[in-house]
Amino acid sequence: MTRSTPPPASARPALLRFLGGVRTVTGSNFLVESDHARILVDCGLFQGVADLRRRNWDGLPCDASDVHAVVVTHAVVVTHAHLDHCGYLPRLVRHGFRGPILTSATTARLAEIVLRDSARLQMEAAEHANQHGWSKHRPAKPLYDDDDVDHTVKFFDPVPVGSEVDIMVGTKLVLHHGGHILGSAWAHLTLEDGHALAVSGDLGRPGHPLLLPPEPFSGADVLLMESTYGNRRHDHHRAQRAFASVIVRALSRGGTVVIPAFAIDRTEVVLPELAALRSDGTLPRHVPVYVDSPMALAALDVYRDAVRARSPELRPEILVRGEAAISPEPFLAARTVQESIDINETTGPAAIVSSAGMATGGRVLHHLHRILPDPRNAVVIVGFAAAGTRSRDLVDGARTLKMFGEYVPVRAEVGDVPYFSAHADADADADQIIDWLRAAPPPHTTYLVHGEESASETLRDRIDHELGWTAVVPRPGAAVLVR
């Protein structure tokens, strides 16, 4: 596309406010305010360090009832690259939001799974804290509950990917496949003054084992570009070898391997990898593989439905292989709490895939609590881990980990295998992000968001030097004109 035509003299440019997802990888919230519309693009939870988590309780610096629409640009699932884009929605609804939540149909389905799990975890954590007295709050309360999620899902308004839809007179939206997880999209907004804003959401990488690459960027006046891996690279073959090596060492010691994995997309990628190790004999057949995550099991059903429906997001070879490409090797599913407890009480070699991926909550905490003190065991971190999360602490060499109000010694082996992340990166040989940007006319300004400060600054410098574009790492709370 070409750059937008200049707006009429009477039209005022829209104001873009960075409410979250700036110099951090969590809490993505971007508010676009024009004369007649207020559109919130993404509505995510803050995670990680305590100062960020406390921001969830502060509320957004705007009246929820005045926000006209929330555009969820990708399927946000579990606790990190997903919940951080949609996880605040129930809180927004609790505070009075009653507008449409526009997203792809698959994102709406996956987001409901994510939000219900998020509410359940928060309610369970509050109950556990009140019973055992480990919270400073008296009483501890969840950020939102099941009723809030029930109200929230009523406002989901799925829109077809690739089609222009009117949010209101003069403001239009087009979603384009994002290649990050099933249902993910990058968003293109045409505002009432004629200017265009694009938001990358979380951009997928061309080498994703299940999904096609993201649709090309077609241009906009202002671009919000994620920078999660702005200073890192994925090495597919090295990561596969590292993944297998950690498992082999732990099993040779008679230990258990725990793999914290996001329920949406990461579990669907890890299971075929384990199946390949089973097939070549690396993972012996007598060693059980457990999937202990009701949310991951529900998400697997959504992925299977996508295969059956021959979703245009999926790679052709996945469609040829069918459902076996999603979960080719039989695994032992733990759906109930008792089944999870039974897994945690077993002894001997085993592999346990459990959420949440950054170990911020969920069933994986109980498994980590049990296996971390034993040097025979291992933990494999298979994606990006944000600062302040338990997964990041493990990767950084923590000797103890706090959970359930006590410190647990870390003697198990820790493997860091970020290849399994679904994010594009800027340092890979393919220059994934730069290539995605290169084909489009330069925006007036590109803002680097959804990345830790060093990653955002590295990507900013690459965009500046290699493309000659004006690139900025904004400050939290900053407000700029869309022009």
Protein backbone atom coordinates (compact mmCIF):
# COMPACT_ATOMS: atom_id res chain seq x y z
CA MET A 1 0.00 0.00 0.00
CA THR A 2 1.03 3.62 -0.33
CA ARG A 3 1.24 6.11 2.49
CA SER A 4 -2.08 7.49 3.64
CA THR A 5 -3.36 10.67 1.98
CA PRO A 6 -3.15 13.79 4.14
CA PRO A 7 -6.16 14.21 6.43
CA PRO A 8 -8.71 16.96 5.85
CA ALA A 9 -7.73 20.27 7.40
CA SER A 10 -10.55 19.98 9.93
CA ALA A 11 -9.47 16.53 11.18
CA ARG A 12 -7.19 16.31 14.18
CA PRO A 13 -4.59 13.53 14.35
CA ALA A 14 -5.22 10.68 16.77
CA LEU A 15 -3.28 10.35 20.01
CA LEU A 16 -1.46 7.09 20.76
CA ARG A 17 -0.74 6.29 24.42
CA PHE A 18 1.62 3.52 25.56
CA LEU A 19 -0.13 2.10 28.63
CA GLY A 20 1.91 -1.11 28.81
CA GLY A 21 4.19 -3.45 26.88
CA VAL A 22 6.94 -0.80 26.75
CA ARG A 23 10.50 -1.71 27.86
CA THR A 24 9.01 -4.96 29.11
CA VAL A 25 7.54 -8.05 27.45
CA THR A 26 4.29 -8.01 29.40
CA GLY A 27 1.15 -5.93 29.79
CA SER A 28 0.66 -4.88 26.17
CA ASN A 29 -1.90 -2.04 26.14
CA PHE A 30 -1.97 0.68 23.49
CA LEU A 31 -4.74 3.28 23.45
CA VAL A 32 -5.66 5.19 20.27
CA GLU A 33 -7.80 8.27 20.87
CA SER A 34 -9.36 10.31 18.06
CA ASP A 35 -12.18 12.84 17.96
CA HIS A 36 -14.85 10.13 17.92
CA ALA A 37 -13.24 6.86 19.02
CA ARG A 38 -11.05 5.38 21.74
CA ILE A 39 -9.61 2.04 20.67
CA LEU A 40 -7.47 -0.11 22.98
CA VAL A 41 -5.15 -2.38 21.02
CA ASP A 42 -4.34 -5.38 23.23
CA CYS A 43 -5.31 -5.65 26.87
CA GLY A 44 -2.68 -7.74 28.60
CA LEU A 45 -1.60 -8.62 32.10
CA PHE A 46 1.69 -7.44 33.56
CA GLN A 47 3.88 -10.31 34.75
CA GLY A 48 7.36 -10.78 36.18
CA VAL A 49 8.83 -8.48 38.81
CA ALA A 50 6.57 -7.31 41.65
CA ASP A 51 6.51 -3.69 40.49
CA LEU A 52 5.02 -4.79 37.18
CA ARG A 53 2.50 -7.18 38.71
CA ARG A 54 1.23 -4.44 41.01
CA ARG A 55 0.28 -2.41 37.95
CA ASN A 56 -2.51 -4.91 37.27
CA TRP A 57 -4.23 -3.63 40.42
CA ASP A 58 -3.77 0.02 39.51
CA GLY A 59 -6.09 -0.16 36.53
CA LEU A 60 -5.65 1.50 33.17
CA PRO A 61 -5.35 5.30 33.19
CA CYS A 62 -8.62 5.65 31.28
CA ASP A 63 -12.28 5.04 31.93
CA ALA A 64 -13.03 1.48 30.81
CA SER A 65 -16.58 2.42 29.85
CA ASP A 66 -15.20 5.00 27.38
CA VAL A 67 -13.04 2.52 25.47
CA HIS A 68 -14.96 1.74 22.31
CA ALA A 69 -13.27 -1.47 21.25
CA VAL A 70 -10.44 -3.77 22.26
CA VAL A 71 -8.58 -5.19 19.27
CA VAL A 72 -6.89 -8.44 20.38
CA THR A 73 -4.19 -8.78 17.73
CA HIS A 74 -3.15 -12.44 18.51
CA ALA A 75 -4.28 -15.44 20.56
CA VAL A 76 -2.96 -14.70 24.03
CA VAL A 77 -2.66 -17.80 26.01
CA VAL A 78 -1.20 -19.06 29.28
CA THR A 79 1.10 -16.68 31.12
CA HIS A 80 3.54 -14.93 28.84
CA ALA A 81 3.45 -14.09 25.16
CA HIS A 82 -0.28 -14.67 25.25
CA LEU A 83 -1.87 -13.77 28.59
CA ASP A 84 0.13 -10.55 28.39
CA HIS A 85 -2.01 -9.47 25.45
CA CYS A 86 -5.52 -10.43 26.58
CA GLY A 87 -5.30 -11.28 30.28
CA TYR A 88 -6.55 -7.93 31.58
CA LEU A 89 -9.85 -8.11 29.67
CA PRO A 90 -11.95 -9.46 32.59
CA ARG A 91 -10.64 -6.69 34.81
CA LEU A 92 -11.54 -4.12 32.14
CA VAL A 93 -15.05 -5.55 31.92
CA ARG A 94 -15.36 -5.55 35.70
CA HIS A 95 -14.58 -1.81 35.57
CA GLY A 96 -17.36 -1.07 33.10
CA PHE A 97 -16.19 -1.84 29.55
CA ARG A 98 -19.14 -2.91 27.36
CA GLY A 99 -17.88 -2.52 23.79
CA PRO A 100 -17.01 -5.16 21.17
CA ILE A 101 -13.81 -7.17 21.54
CA LEU A 102 -12.65 -7.63 17.94
CA THR A 103 -10.37 -10.53 17.14
CA SER A 104 -10.03 -13.57 14.90
CA ALA A 105 -12.44 -16.42 15.56
CA THR A 106 -9.65 -18.76 16.67
CA THR A 107 -8.23 -16.16 19.03
CA ALA A 108 -11.66 -15.73 20.61
CA ARG A 109 -11.87 -19.46 21.23
CA LEU A 110 -8.34 -19.76 22.62
CA ALA A 111 -8.62 -16.58 24.68
CA GLU A 112 -11.66 -17.95 26.48
CA ILE A 113 -9.63 -21.02 27.45
CA VAL A 114 -6.78 -18.79 28.65
CA LEU A 115 -8.97 -16.40 30.64
CA ARG A 116 -10.87 -19.18 32.38
CA ASP A 117 -7.61 -20.81 33.37
CA SER A 118 -6.20 -17.48 34.53
CA ALA A 119 -9.23 -16.86 36.74
CA ARG A 120 -9.03 -20.37 38.16
CA LEU A 121 -5.33 -20.01 39.01
CA GLN A 122 -5.87 -16.65 40.67
CA MET A 123 -8.78 -17.99 42.72
CA GLU A 124 -6.80 -21.07 43.77
CA ALA A 125 -3.75 -18.96 44.65
CA ALA A 126 -5.84 -16.61 46.78
CA GLU A 127 -7.47 -19.55 48.56
CA HIS A 128 -4.11 -21.24 49.15
CA ALA A 129 -2.62 -17.98 50.46
CA ASN A 130 -5.52 -17.48 52.86
CA GLN A 131 -5.29 -21.06 54.14
CA HIS A 132 -1.53 -21.00 54.65
CA GLY A 133 -0.98 -17.32 55.44
CA TRP A 134 1.78 -16.62 52.93
CA SER A 135 0.24 -13.47 51.39
CA LYS A 136 0.64 -10.03 52.95
CA HIS A 137 -2.94 -9.25 51.91
CA ARG A 138 -5.70 -10.03 54.41
CA PRO A 139 -7.62 -11.55 52.82
CA ALA A 140 -5.91 -12.33 49.52
CA LYS A 141 -8.23 -11.81 46.54
CA PRO A 142 -8.00 -12.78 42.87
CA LEU A 143 -7.61 -10.04 40.28
CA TYR A 144 -10.78 -11.44 38.67
CA ASP A 145 -12.90 -14.56 38.93
CA ASP A 146 -15.08 -16.92 36.89
CA ASP A 147 -18.00 -14.50 36.81
CA ASP A 148 -15.81 -11.79 35.30
CA VAL A 149 -14.73 -14.17 32.53
CA ASP A 150 -18.35 -15.18 31.89
CA HIS A 151 -19.19 -11.52 31.33
CA THR A 152 -16.09 -10.92 29.21
CA VAL A 153 -16.61 -13.65 26.61
CA LYS A 154 -20.03 -12.19 25.76
CA PHE A 155 -18.23 -9.22 24.21
CA PHE A 156 -16.02 -11.21 21.85
CA ASP A 157 -16.87 -10.21 18.28
CA PRO A 158 -14.85 -12.35 15.86
CA VAL A 159 -13.96 -10.78 12.52
CA PRO A 160 -12.67 -12.51 9.38
CA VAL A 161 -8.93 -12.26 8.84
CA GLY A 162 -8.06 -10.32 5.71
CA SER A 163 -11.36 -8.43 5.45
CA GLU A 164 -11.85 -4.76 6.25
CA VAL A 165 -14.42 -4.14 8.98
CA ASP A 166 -15.82 -0.91 10.35
CA ILE A 167 -15.26 -0.36 14.04
CA MET A 168 -17.29 2.82 13.72
CA VAL A 169 -17.82 5.41 11.01
CA GLY A 170 -14.42 6.45 9.67
CA THR A 171 -12.38 3.87 11.61
CA LYS A 172 -11.57 0.58 9.93
CA LEU A 173 -9.69 -2.58 10.90
CA VAL A 174 -7.98 -5.33 8.92
CA LEU A 175 -6.38 -8.34 10.62
CA HIS A 176 -3.56 -10.21 8.86
CA HIS A 177 -2.20 -13.64 9.81
CA GLY A 178 0.66 -13.20 12.29
CA GLY A 179 2.21 -16.69 12.27
CA HIS A 180 2.92 -16.56 16.02
CA ILE A 181 0.31 -18.97 17.35
CA LEU A 182 -2.91 -20.27 15.88
CA GLY A 183 -5.28 -17.36 15.34
CA SER A 184 -2.61 -14.69 15.80
CA ALA A 185 -2.73 -11.56 13.68
CA TRP A 186 -1.13 -8.22 13.12
CA ALA A 187 -3.58 -5.34 12.98
CA HIS A 188 -3.97 -2.46 10.53
CA LEU A 189 -6.16 0.43 11.65
CA THR A 190 -7.30 3.23 9.34
CA LEU A 191 -8.34 6.16 11.49
CA GLU A 192 -11.00 8.78 10.85
CA ASP A 193 -8.44 11.41 9.77
CA GLY A 194 -7.07 9.06 7.08
CA HIS A 195 -3.86 8.06 8.85
CA ALA A 196 -3.00 4.39 9.39
CA LEU A 197 -1.61 2.59 12.45
CA ALA A 198 -0.22 -0.96 12.32
CA VAL A 199 0.48 -3.14 15.37
CA SER A 200 2.60 -6.24 14.84
CA GLY A 201 1.29 -8.09 17.87
CA ASP A 202 3.72 -10.96 18.49
CA LEU A 203 5.22 -11.76 15.12
CA GLY A 204 5.85 -15.39 14.24
CA ARG A 205 9.06 -16.77 12.79
CA PRO A 206 9.32 -18.30 9.31
CA GLY A 207 10.64 -21.56 10.78
CA HIS A 208 7.61 -22.30 12.94
CA PRO A 209 7.02 -26.07 12.68
CA LEU A 210 3.23 -25.76 12.42
CA LEU A 211 2.31 -22.33 11.08
CA LEU A 212 2.99 -20.42 7.89
CA PRO A 213 5.08 -17.24 8.17
CA PRO A 214 3.31 -13.99 8.98
CA GLU A 215 1.67 -12.12 6.13
CA PRO A 216 3.94 -9.32 4.87
CA PHE A 217 3.79 -5.85 6.35
CA SER A 218 2.04 -3.59 3.84
CA GLY A 219 2.82 -0.21 5.36
CA ALA A 220 1.30 2.37 7.70
CA ASP A 221 1.99 5.88 8.96
CA VAL A 222 2.88 4.56 12.42
CA LEU A 223 4.03 1.04 13.30
CA LEU A 224 4.19 -0.63 16.72
CA MET A 225 6.75 -3.42 16.35
CA GLU A 226 7.41 -6.12 18.93
CA SER A 227 11.04 -6.59 19.95
CA THR A 228 11.02 -9.60 22.29
CA TYR A 229 14.01 -11.18 20.55
CA GLY A 230 15.45 -7.97 19.16
CA ASN A 231 18.92 -8.98 20.34
CA ARG A 232 18.80 -12.78 20.17
CA ARG A 233 18.72 -15.50 17.56
CA HIS A 234 17.26 -18.95 17.22
CA ASP A 235 19.50 -21.83 16.17
CA HIS A 236 17.21 -24.72 15.30
CA HIS A 237 19.70 -27.57 15.16
CA ARG A 238 21.77 -26.49 18.16
CA ALA A 239 18.60 -26.13 20.22
CA GLN A 240 17.34 -29.57 19.22
CA ARG A 241 20.66 -31.09 20.29
CA ALA A 242 20.60 -29.19 23.59
CA PHE A 243 17.02 -30.27 24.26
CA ALA A 244 17.88 -33.93 23.64
CA SER A 245 21.10 -33.74 25.68
CA VAL A 246 19.39 -32.46 28.82
CA ILE A 247 16.80 -35.22 28.59
CA VAL A 248 19.39 -37.94 28.01
CA ARG A 249 21.51 -36.83 30.97
CA ALA A 250 18.55 -36.65 33.34
CA LEU A 251 17.18 -40.05 32.31
CA SER A 252 20.62 -41.65 32.61
CA ARG A 253 20.66 -40.44 36.22
CA GLY A 254 17.22 -41.96 36.80
CA GLY A 255 15.73 -38.48 37.06
CA THR A 256 12.56 -36.72 35.98
CA VAL A 257 12.50 -33.95 33.37
CA VAL A 258 10.01 -31.11 33.86
CA ILE A 259 9.29 -28.90 30.86
CA PRO A 260 7.35 -25.73 31.74
CA ALA A 261 5.51 -24.98 28.51
CA PHE A 262 2.87 -22.49 27.50
CA ALA A 263 -0.38 -24.28 26.89
CA ILE A 264 -1.02 -22.54 23.59
CA ASP A 265 1.39 -23.40 20.79
CA ARG A 266 4.42 -24.37 22.91
CA THR A 267 2.96 -27.67 24.10
CA GLU A 268 1.83 -28.37 20.53
CA VAL A 269 5.46 -27.93 19.38
CA VAL A 270 7.18 -29.72 22.28
CA LEU A 271 5.12 -32.92 22.00
CA PRO A 272 6.18 -33.70 18.40
CA GLU A 273 9.79 -32.99 19.42
CA LEU A 274 9.49 -35.55 22.21
CA ALA A 275 7.87 -37.95 19.76
CA ALA A 276 10.86 -37.60 17.44
CA LEU A 277 13.18 -38.44 20.33
CA ARG A 278 11.01 -41.46 21.10
CA SER A 279 11.15 -42.55 17.47
CA ASP A 280 14.96 -42.45 17.24
CA GLY A 281 15.40 -44.18 20.59
CA THR A 282 16.69 -41.17 22.51
CA LEU A 283 13.61 -41.25 24.73
CA PRO A 284 13.07 -44.89 25.74
CA ARG A 285 9.56 -46.24 25.35
CA HIS A 286 9.32 -47.26 28.99
CA VAL A 287 9.72 -43.63 30.08
CA PRO A 288 6.27 -42.04 30.37
CA VAL A 289 5.48 -38.61 28.92
CA TYR A 290 2.83 -36.70 30.87
CA VAL A 291 0.90 -33.60 29.79
CA ASP A 292 -0.28 -32.02 33.01
CA SER A 293 -2.26 -29.00 31.89
CA PRO A 294 -6.02 -28.96 31.30
CA MET A 295 -5.57 -25.76 29.32
CA ALA A 296 -2.96 -27.32 27.03
CA LEU A 297 -5.22 -30.30 26.44
CA ALA A 298 -8.11 -27.97 25.57
CA ALA A 299 -5.83 -26.00 23.23
CA LEU A 300 -4.75 -29.22 21.53
CA ASP A 301 -8.39 -29.76 20.62
CA VAL A 302 -8.47 -26.33 18.96
CA TYR A 303 -5.34 -27.16 16.97
CA ARG A 304 -6.80 -30.50 15.92
CA ASP A 305 -9.95 -28.75 14.75
CA ALA A 306 -7.79 -26.39 12.69
CA VAL A 307 -6.12 -29.37 11.02
CA ARG A 308 -9.50 -30.95 10.26
CA ALA A 309 -10.76 -27.65 8.83
CA ARG A 310 -7.55 -27.25 6.78
CA SER A 311 -6.82 -23.84 8.26
CA PRO A 312 -4.94 -21.49 5.91
CA GLU A 313 -2.58 -20.69 8.81
CA LEU A 314 -1.09 -24.19 8.84
CA ARG A 315 1.86 -25.39 6.78
CA PRO A 316 0.92 -27.70 3.87
CA GLU A 317 2.96 -30.58 5.31
CA ILE A 318 0.96 -30.37 8.54
CA LEU A 319 -2.27 -30.67 6.59
CA VAL A 320 -0.86 -33.72 4.78
CA ARG A 321 0.15 -35.44 8.04
CA GLY A 322 -3.13 -34.59 9.72
CA GLU A 323 -3.73 -34.77 13.46
CA ALA A 324 -0.59 -36.87 13.98
CA ALA A 325 1.43 -33.71 13.32
CA ILE A 326 -0.02 -32.11 16.46
CA SER A 327 0.34 -35.01 18.90
CA PRO A 328 1.88 -37.96 17.04
CA GLU A 329 2.98 -39.95 20.09
CA PRO A 330 0.55 -41.20 22.71
CA PHE A 331 1.03 -39.36 25.99
CA LEU A 332 -0.57 -39.59 29.40
CA ALA A 333 -3.00 -36.73 29.98
CA ALA A 334 -3.69 -35.33 33.44
CA ARG A 335 -6.99 -33.48 33.42
CA THR A 336 -8.07 -33.70 37.04
CA VAL A 337 -6.34 -32.45 40.17
CA GLN A 338 -6.04 -36.02 41.44
CA GLU A 339 -4.34 -37.13 38.22
CA SER A 340 -1.84 -34.30 38.64
CA ILE A 341 -1.21 -35.33 42.24
CA ASP A 342 -0.67 -38.93 41.12
CA ILE A 343 1.98 -37.78 38.62
CA ASN A 344 3.74 -35.77 41.29
CA GLU A 345 3.91 -38.80 43.56
CA THR A 346 5.43 -41.14 40.96
CA THR A 347 9.11 -42.04 41.10
CA GLY A 348 11.61 -42.98 38.43
CA PRO A 349 12.43 -41.50 35.02
CA ALA A 350 9.65 -39.48 33.36
CA ALA A 351 9.04 -36.38 31.25
CA ILE A 352 6.37 -33.93 32.42
CA VAL A 353 5.10 -31.12 30.18
CA SER A 354 3.15 -28.68 32.29
CA SER A 355 2.09 -25.03 32.28
CA ALA A 356 2.74 -22.25 32.91
CA GLY A 357 5.74 -21.66 30.67
CA MET A 358 7.40 -19.03 32.85
CA ALA A 359 6.48 -20.90 36.05
CA THR A 360 4.45 -17.97 37.32
CA GLY A 361 1.66 -20.27 38.46
CA GLY A 362 -0.22 -23.43 37.64
CA ARG A 363 0.46 -27.12 38.14
CA VAL A 364 4.08 -26.88 37.06
CA LEU A 365 4.91 -25.25 40.39
CA HIS A 366 4.02 -28.42 42.28
CA HIS A 367 6.29 -30.46 39.99
CA LEU A 368 9.14 -27.97 40.35
CA HIS A 369 8.68 -27.92 44.11
CA ARG A 370 9.24 -31.69 44.13
CA ILE A 371 12.05 -32.15 41.59
CA LEU A 372 14.27 -29.07 42.00
CA PRO A 373 16.09 -30.24 45.18
CA ASP A 374 17.27 -33.49 43.53
CA PRO A 375 20.36 -33.25 41.25
CA ARG A 376 19.23 -36.28 39.27
CA ASN A 377 16.36 -34.26 37.81
CA ALA A 378 16.26 -31.55 35.14
CA VAL A 379 14.16 -28.57 34.08
CA VAL A 380 14.09 -27.44 30.44
CA ILE A 381 13.01 -23.85 29.73
CA VAL A 382 11.74 -23.92 26.16
CA GLY A 383 10.92 -20.30 25.39
CA PHE A 384 11.45 -16.71 26.36
CA ALA A 385 11.41 -16.09 30.11
CA ALA A 386 10.67 -12.56 31.27
CA ALA A 387 12.64 -10.88 34.02
CA GLY A 388 11.18 -11.53 37.46
CA THR A 389 9.67 -14.91 36.60
CA ARG A 390 10.77 -18.23 38.09
CA SER A 391 11.79 -19.55 34.66
CA ARG A 392 14.08 -16.55 34.18
CA ASP A 393 15.52 -17.05 37.67
CA LEU A 394 16.32 -20.66 36.78
CA VAL A 395 17.98 -19.67 33.50
CA ASP A 396 20.01 -17.04 35.34
CA GLY A 397 21.37 -19.64 37.78
CA ALA A 398 19.25 -19.10 40.89
CA ARG A 399 20.28 -21.34 43.77
CA THR A 400 16.85 -21.16 45.39
CA LEU A 401 13.34 -20.52 44.10
CA LYS A 402 10.49 -19.12 46.14
CA MET A 403 7.11 -20.80 45.84
CA PHE A 404 4.19 -21.41 48.17
CA GLY A 405 5.72 -19.09 50.74
CA GLU A 406 9.06 -20.91 51.09
CA TYR A 407 12.44 -21.15 49.38
CA VAL A 408 13.24 -24.37 47.52
CA PRO A 409 16.87 -25.28 46.74
CA VAL A 410 17.74 -25.63 43.05
CA ARG A 411 20.00 -28.64 42.57
CA ALA A 412 18.39 -30.03 39.41
CA GLU A 413 20.04 -29.37 36.05
CA VAL A 414 18.55 -26.41 34.16
CA GLY A 415 18.51 -26.33 30.36
CA ASP A 416 17.78 -23.11 28.44
CA VAL A 417 16.39 -23.88 24.96
CA PRO A 418 14.74 -20.68 23.62
CA TYR A 419 14.48 -22.11 20.08
CA PHE A 420 10.97 -23.28 20.89
CA SER A 421 9.82 -19.67 21.22
CA ALA A 422 7.25 -18.68 18.61
CA HIS A 423 8.68 -15.16 18.27
CA ALA A 424 10.55 -13.81 15.26
CA ASP A 425 14.06 -12.57 15.99
CA ALA A 426 16.31 -9.93 14.50
CA ASP A 427 19.75 -11.55 14.77
CA ALA A 428 19.05 -14.78 12.91
CA ASP A 429 20.65 -15.38 9.55
CA ALA A 430 17.30 -14.76 7.88
CA ASP A 431 16.96 -11.36 9.61
CA GLN A 432 13.34 -12.20 10.17
CA ILE A 433 12.05 -8.92 11.53
CA ILE A 434 14.08 -6.76 9.16
CA ASP A 435 12.92 -8.84 6.19
CA TRP A 436 9.30 -8.49 7.31
CA LEU A 437 9.69 -4.71 7.39
CA ARG A 438 11.86 -4.25 4.32
CA ALA A 439 9.22 -4.77 1.63
CA ALA A 440 6.96 -1.96 2.86
CA PRO A 441 7.19 1.83 2.48
CA PRO A 442 8.77 3.37 5.59
CA PRO A 443 6.35 4.50 8.29
CA HIS A 444 6.65 8.02 9.62
CA THR A 445 7.72 6.44 12.94
CA THR A 446 8.30 2.89 14.15
CA TYR A 447 7.91 2.31 17.89
CA LEU A 448 9.67 -0.69 19.42
CA VAL A 449 7.42 -2.29 22.04
CA HIS A 450 6.96 -5.60 23.85
CA GLY A 451 10.62 -6.18 24.58
CA GLU A 452 13.07 -5.69 27.40
CA GLU A 453 14.94 -2.42 27.09
CA SER A 454 18.19 -3.83 25.68
CA ALA A 455 16.34 -5.90 23.07
CA SER A 456 14.21 -2.94 21.96
CA GLU A 457 17.23 -0.67 21.68
CA THR A 458 19.18 -3.23 19.65
CA LEU A 459 16.32 -3.62 17.18
CA ARG A 460 15.87 0.16 17.03
CA ASP A 461 19.51 0.57 16.01
CA ARG A 462 19.23 -2.12 13.33
CA ILE A 463 16.12 -0.53 11.83
CA ASP A 464 17.82 2.86 11.87
CA HIS A 465 21.09 1.68 10.32
CA GLU A 466 19.80 -0.89 7.83
CA LEU A 467 16.49 0.59 6.74
CA GLY A 468 17.03 4.25 7.47
CA TRP A 469 13.69 4.45 9.27
CA THR A 470 12.90 6.61 12.27
CA ALA A 471 12.68 4.13 15.15
CA VAL A 472 11.94 4.95 18.78
CA VAL A 473 11.80 3.03 22.07
CA PRO A 474 8.98 4.90 23.89
CA ARG A 475 8.67 5.49 27.60
CA PRO A 476 5.85 3.92 29.63
CA GLY A 477 2.88 6.27 29.59
CA ALA A 478 4.17 8.32 26.66
CA ALA A 479 1.64 9.93 24.30
CA VAL A 480 2.39 10.66 20.63
CA LEU A 481 0.43 11.80 17.58
CA VAL A 482 -0.42 9.36 14.78
CA ARG A 483 0.64 11.32 11.71
